[in-house]
Amino acid sequence: MSEPDSPSEIEQTQHEAEPRREPVFNLPPVVLAVILICVAIYLLQEYVLTQTQQYILLDYGSFIPVLYTGKYGFDWSLLSRPFTYAFLHGSVPHIVINMVMLAAFGSPLANRLGTFWFALFFALTGLASVVLFWAIHPFGETPLVGASGAISGMMGAATRFGLRTERSSGKTAFAGPVLPISIILRLRGVTIFIVAWMVINLATGLFGFAFGFDGQIAWEAHVGGFVAGFFGLRWFDRRWQHPEWMATDHRT
């Protein structure tokens, strides 16, 4: 007859047999912080501020292209607008869709880059968004708001990982090295994602095929953010590797 297991062995076996419990909300702190700020500002706009105060917030917090042509002189808000506009949203569908996409694409990117580099990525891809928007509409007077430019940058970054994620650390993060463009264009799933993303953005922006939005979709800002994230990711990812592996296990 074999001897019974020791108490420590029994406890270890029971511990290993227990299924791992995942938290309901497993967002990185930096992503959660951005979501809370955006939601708080929107609720403040809708339920606390007066109409005049709402106008002031929009007037000084949004990005208005014509102000950067020199036509109205210099104002210190010109330095902050290219960043603060991302935290303002114009409607419930606008903020809901943006926050859902931020959670979906921002979480694995934040877990990959870390808090500092993710925050810098968010700021600079948002800046790239308004740069292209201004270049196309330098005399535009319509305020630009929303985090979708920076979120588009996260989508562009996701394609450079081949849309691959891992959970080896217990948190979902984009996996593998930053893939060279020559490999990205040979990955069928990634190529389809990029083409579909471009078509949807052009269709909603140019033809207004976007339900629940009163204003026009700023496709220019989305493209600017996507391109910045696609080409600039490796400057933020300190773990990127040289592509000698050439992704031999990938299939087009």
Protein backbone atom coordinates (compact mmCIF):
# COMPACT_ATOMS: atom_id res chain seq x y z
CA MET A 1 0.00 0.00 0.00
CA SER A 2 1.38 3.42 -0.93
CA GLU A 3 1.67 6.10 1.68
CA PRO A 4 -0.84 8.98 1.56
CA ASP A 5 0.30 12.23 0.11
CA SER A 6 1.63 14.80 2.49
CA PRO A 7 -0.60 17.80 3.34
CA SER A 8 1.68 20.10 1.36
CA GLU A 9 1.40 17.89 -1.74
CA ILE A 10 -2.40 17.74 -1.41
CA GLU A 11 -2.64 21.53 -1.09
CA GLN A 12 -0.37 21.99 -4.09
CA THR A 13 -2.50 19.61 -6.20
CA GLN A 14 -5.71 21.38 -5.19
CA HIS A 15 -4.17 24.75 -5.93
CA GLU A 16 -3.07 23.67 -9.40
CA ALA A 17 -6.48 22.15 -10.13
CA GLU A 18 -8.34 25.38 -9.41
CA PRO A 19 -9.20 27.25 -12.62
CA ARG A 20 -7.59 30.62 -12.98
CA ARG A 21 -10.00 33.47 -12.36
CA GLU A 22 -9.74 36.46 -14.62
CA PRO A 23 -10.92 39.86 -13.37
CA VAL A 24 -13.99 41.29 -15.04
CA PHE A 25 -12.13 44.51 -15.83
CA ASN A 26 -8.50 43.83 -16.70
CA LEU A 27 -7.52 47.15 -18.21
CA PRO A 28 -4.02 48.58 -17.76
CA PRO A 29 -4.08 51.57 -15.37
CA VAL A 30 -3.03 54.04 -18.08
CA VAL A 31 -5.85 52.90 -20.40
CA LEU A 32 -8.37 52.99 -17.57
CA ALA A 33 -7.16 56.50 -16.66
CA VAL A 34 -7.71 57.79 -20.21
CA ILE A 35 -11.19 56.25 -20.32
CA LEU A 36 -12.16 57.75 -16.96
CA ILE A 37 -10.88 61.19 -17.96
CA CYS A 38 -12.81 61.13 -21.24
CA VAL A 39 -16.01 59.92 -19.57
CA ALA A 40 -15.69 62.42 -16.72
CA ILE A 41 -15.21 65.33 -19.13
CA TYR A 42 -18.18 64.23 -21.23
CA LEU A 43 -20.45 63.93 -18.17
CA LEU A 44 -19.21 67.32 -17.01
CA GLN A 45 -20.11 68.81 -20.37
CA GLU A 46 -23.56 67.29 -20.49
CA TYR A 47 -24.78 67.54 -16.89
CA VAL A 48 -22.73 70.14 -15.00
CA LEU A 49 -21.55 72.97 -17.24
CA THR A 50 -23.83 75.67 -18.52
CA GLN A 51 -24.17 76.22 -22.25
CA THR A 52 -21.75 79.13 -22.06
CA GLN A 53 -19.22 77.04 -20.13
CA GLN A 54 -19.58 74.22 -22.64
CA TYR A 55 -18.81 76.66 -25.42
CA ILE A 56 -15.70 77.90 -23.60
CA LEU A 57 -14.46 74.35 -23.02
CA LEU A 58 -14.96 73.48 -26.67
CA ASP A 59 -13.50 76.78 -27.85
CA TYR A 60 -10.26 76.33 -25.90
CA GLY A 61 -9.97 72.55 -25.78
CA SER A 62 -10.75 71.47 -29.34
CA PHE A 63 -8.48 71.62 -32.38
CA ILE A 64 -9.52 74.30 -34.88
CA PRO A 65 -7.27 74.34 -37.97
CA VAL A 66 -7.71 77.98 -38.97
CA LEU A 67 -6.20 79.13 -35.68
CA TYR A 68 -2.84 77.74 -36.82
CA THR A 69 -2.63 79.81 -40.00
CA GLY A 70 -1.65 82.97 -38.13
CA LYS A 71 -4.90 84.65 -39.06
CA TYR A 72 -5.93 85.23 -35.46
CA GLY A 73 -2.53 85.70 -33.85
CA PHE A 74 -0.95 83.66 -31.07
CA ASP A 75 -2.70 82.21 -28.04
CA TRP A 76 -1.20 79.88 -25.43
CA SER A 77 -4.03 77.42 -26.01
CA LEU A 78 -2.52 76.72 -29.42
CA LEU A 79 0.12 74.65 -27.62
CA SER A 80 -2.39 72.50 -25.73
CA ARG A 81 -5.18 72.07 -28.29
CA PRO A 82 -3.35 69.34 -30.32
CA PHE A 83 -3.49 67.19 -27.18
CA THR A 84 -6.60 68.21 -25.24
CA TYR A 85 -8.93 67.70 -28.21
CA ALA A 86 -8.53 63.92 -27.80
CA PHE A 87 -10.31 64.00 -24.43
CA LEU A 88 -13.42 65.78 -25.73
CA HIS A 89 -16.32 63.96 -27.43
CA GLY A 90 -19.44 65.17 -29.14
CA SER A 91 -22.07 62.52 -28.45
CA VAL A 92 -22.83 59.30 -26.60
CA PRO A 93 -22.14 57.05 -29.63
CA HIS A 94 -18.91 58.96 -30.24
CA ILE A 95 -17.48 58.38 -26.78
CA VAL A 96 -18.86 54.84 -26.40
CA ILE A 97 -17.33 53.61 -29.65
CA ASN A 98 -14.02 55.33 -28.96
CA MET A 99 -13.75 53.95 -25.44
CA VAL A 100 -14.59 50.41 -26.55
CA MET A 101 -11.93 50.57 -29.27
CA LEU A 102 -9.46 52.10 -26.83
CA ALA A 103 -9.98 49.21 -24.44
CA ALA A 104 -9.67 46.64 -27.24
CA PHE A 105 -6.54 47.98 -28.95
CA GLY A 106 -5.04 50.12 -26.21
CA SER A 107 -4.89 47.40 -23.54
CA PRO A 108 -2.57 44.96 -25.36
CA LEU A 109 -0.44 47.86 -26.58
CA ALA A 110 -0.13 49.36 -23.09
CA ASN A 111 0.81 45.96 -21.66
CA ARG A 112 3.49 45.71 -24.33
CA LEU A 113 4.91 49.24 -24.13
CA GLY A 114 4.41 50.12 -20.49
CA THR A 115 2.72 53.19 -19.03
CA PHE A 116 5.22 55.89 -20.04
CA TRP A 117 5.73 54.79 -23.63
CA PHE A 118 2.03 54.16 -24.15
CA ALA A 119 1.16 57.64 -22.88
CA LEU A 120 3.78 59.13 -25.21
CA PHE A 121 2.44 57.04 -28.08
CA PHE A 122 -1.10 58.25 -27.37
CA ALA A 123 0.02 61.89 -27.33
CA LEU A 124 2.18 61.79 -30.46
CA THR A 125 -0.20 59.76 -32.64
CA GLY A 126 -2.95 62.15 -31.59
CA LEU A 127 -0.66 64.99 -32.64
CA ALA A 128 0.04 63.32 -35.99
CA SER A 129 -3.72 63.09 -36.51
CA VAL A 130 -4.25 66.83 -36.26
CA VAL A 131 -1.17 67.58 -38.35
CA LEU A 132 -2.65 65.74 -41.34
CA PHE A 133 -6.09 67.17 -40.63
CA TRP A 134 -4.62 70.68 -40.63
CA ALA A 135 -2.59 70.01 -43.78
CA ILE A 136 -5.78 69.10 -45.68
CA HIS A 137 -8.03 71.74 -44.10
CA PRO A 138 -5.72 74.60 -43.03
CA PHE A 139 -8.55 77.14 -43.00
CA GLY A 140 -11.20 74.89 -41.53
CA GLU A 141 -13.22 76.37 -38.69
CA THR A 142 -15.01 73.23 -37.49
CA PRO A 143 -13.68 72.02 -34.10
CA LEU A 144 -12.06 68.59 -34.11
CA VAL A 145 -12.61 66.44 -31.00
CA GLY A 146 -12.21 62.80 -30.01
CA ALA A 147 -9.58 60.18 -29.25
CA SER A 148 -10.14 58.27 -32.48
CA GLY A 149 -6.96 59.61 -34.09
CA ALA A 150 -4.77 58.17 -31.35
CA ILE A 151 -6.85 54.97 -31.30
CA SER A 152 -6.27 54.65 -35.04
CA GLY A 153 -2.58 54.86 -34.22
CA MET A 154 -3.02 51.86 -31.91
CA MET A 155 -4.67 49.96 -34.73
CA GLY A 156 -1.76 50.80 -36.99
CA ALA A 157 0.62 49.54 -34.30
CA ALA A 158 -1.39 46.31 -33.94
CA THR A 159 -0.75 45.47 -37.59
CA ARG A 160 3.01 45.68 -37.04
CA PHE A 161 2.67 42.75 -34.64
CA GLY A 162 0.62 40.84 -37.19
CA LEU A 163 -2.38 41.32 -34.84
CA ARG A 164 -0.82 38.63 -32.62
CA THR A 165 -1.28 38.66 -28.84
CA GLU A 166 -0.05 36.55 -25.95
CA ARG A 167 -1.00 36.02 -22.30
CA SER A 168 2.22 34.53 -20.93
CA SER A 169 2.42 37.26 -18.28
CA GLY A 170 -1.24 36.91 -17.33
CA LYS A 171 -2.12 40.04 -19.30
CA THR A 172 -3.02 40.28 -22.96
CA ALA A 173 -0.20 41.96 -24.86
CA PHE A 174 0.88 42.18 -28.48
CA ALA A 175 3.38 39.41 -29.14
CA GLY A 176 6.58 38.96 -31.09
CA PRO A 177 8.90 41.45 -32.74
CA VAL A 178 7.82 44.49 -34.73
CA LEU A 179 7.39 42.98 -38.18
CA PRO A 180 8.96 44.64 -41.22
CA ILE A 181 6.54 46.05 -43.77
CA SER A 182 7.64 43.47 -46.36
CA ILE A 183 6.27 40.71 -44.12
CA ILE A 184 3.16 42.65 -43.09
CA LEU A 185 2.09 42.93 -46.72
CA ARG A 186 2.37 39.16 -47.13
CA LEU A 187 0.08 38.37 -44.20
CA ARG A 188 -3.39 37.99 -45.69
CA GLY A 189 -5.34 38.61 -42.48
CA VAL A 190 -3.39 41.77 -41.67
CA THR A 191 -3.65 43.08 -45.23
CA ILE A 192 -7.41 42.53 -45.23
CA PHE A 193 -7.65 44.37 -41.90
CA ILE A 194 -5.72 47.37 -43.25
CA VAL A 195 -7.72 47.57 -46.49
CA ALA A 196 -11.05 47.17 -44.66
CA TRP A 197 -10.04 49.83 -42.14
CA MET A 198 -9.13 52.29 -44.89
CA VAL A 199 -12.33 51.63 -46.86
CA ILE A 200 -14.56 52.02 -43.80
CA ASN A 201 -12.90 55.27 -42.76
CA LEU A 202 -13.06 56.78 -46.23
CA ALA A 203 -16.68 55.70 -46.65
CA THR A 204 -17.80 57.12 -43.29
CA GLY A 205 -15.75 60.27 -43.73
CA LEU A 206 -16.43 61.13 -47.34
CA PHE A 207 -19.98 59.83 -47.68
CA GLY A 208 -21.26 60.11 -44.11
CA PHE A 209 -22.11 56.41 -43.63
CA ALA A 210 -21.92 56.63 -39.85
CA PHE A 211 -25.02 56.12 -37.75
CA GLY A 212 -25.40 58.05 -34.50
CA PHE A 213 -23.03 60.89 -35.43
CA ASP A 214 -24.34 64.37 -36.11
CA GLY A 215 -21.02 65.80 -37.33
CA GLN A 216 -18.75 64.67 -40.11
CA ILE A 217 -16.26 61.89 -39.41
CA ALA A 218 -12.68 63.20 -39.57
CA TRP A 219 -11.18 60.46 -41.74
CA GLU A 220 -8.09 62.61 -42.25
CA ALA A 221 -7.29 62.49 -38.54
CA HIS A 222 -7.85 58.73 -38.48
CA VAL A 223 -5.48 58.17 -41.38
CA GLY A 224 -2.88 60.45 -39.83
CA GLY A 225 -2.97 58.51 -36.57
CA PHE A 226 -2.93 55.12 -38.29
CA VAL A 227 0.07 56.00 -40.44
CA ALA A 228 1.95 57.41 -37.45
CA GLY A 229 1.30 54.28 -35.40
CA PHE A 230 2.16 51.97 -38.30
CA PHE A 231 5.49 53.57 -39.17
CA GLY A 232 6.48 54.96 -35.78
CA LEU A 233 5.81 52.02 -33.47
CA ARG A 234 9.38 50.78 -33.21
CA TRP A 235 10.46 54.08 -31.68
CA PHE A 236 8.19 53.33 -28.73
CA ASP A 237 8.66 49.58 -28.39
CA ARG A 238 11.92 49.01 -26.52
CA ARG A 239 11.64 45.24 -26.99
CA TRP A 240 11.46 45.18 -30.79
CA GLN A 241 13.84 42.73 -32.42
CA HIS A 242 15.56 42.52 -35.77
CA PRO A 243 13.45 40.46 -38.18
CA GLU A 244 16.04 37.76 -38.93
CA TRP A 245 13.47 35.15 -37.97
CA MET A 246 11.48 36.19 -41.10
CA ALA A 247 8.27 34.71 -39.71
CA THR A 248 8.77 31.32 -41.33
CA ASP A 249 5.70 29.96 -39.54
CA HIS A 250 3.41 32.59 -41.11
CA ARG A 251 1.31 31.83 -44.15
CA THR A 252 -0.18 34.36 -46.57
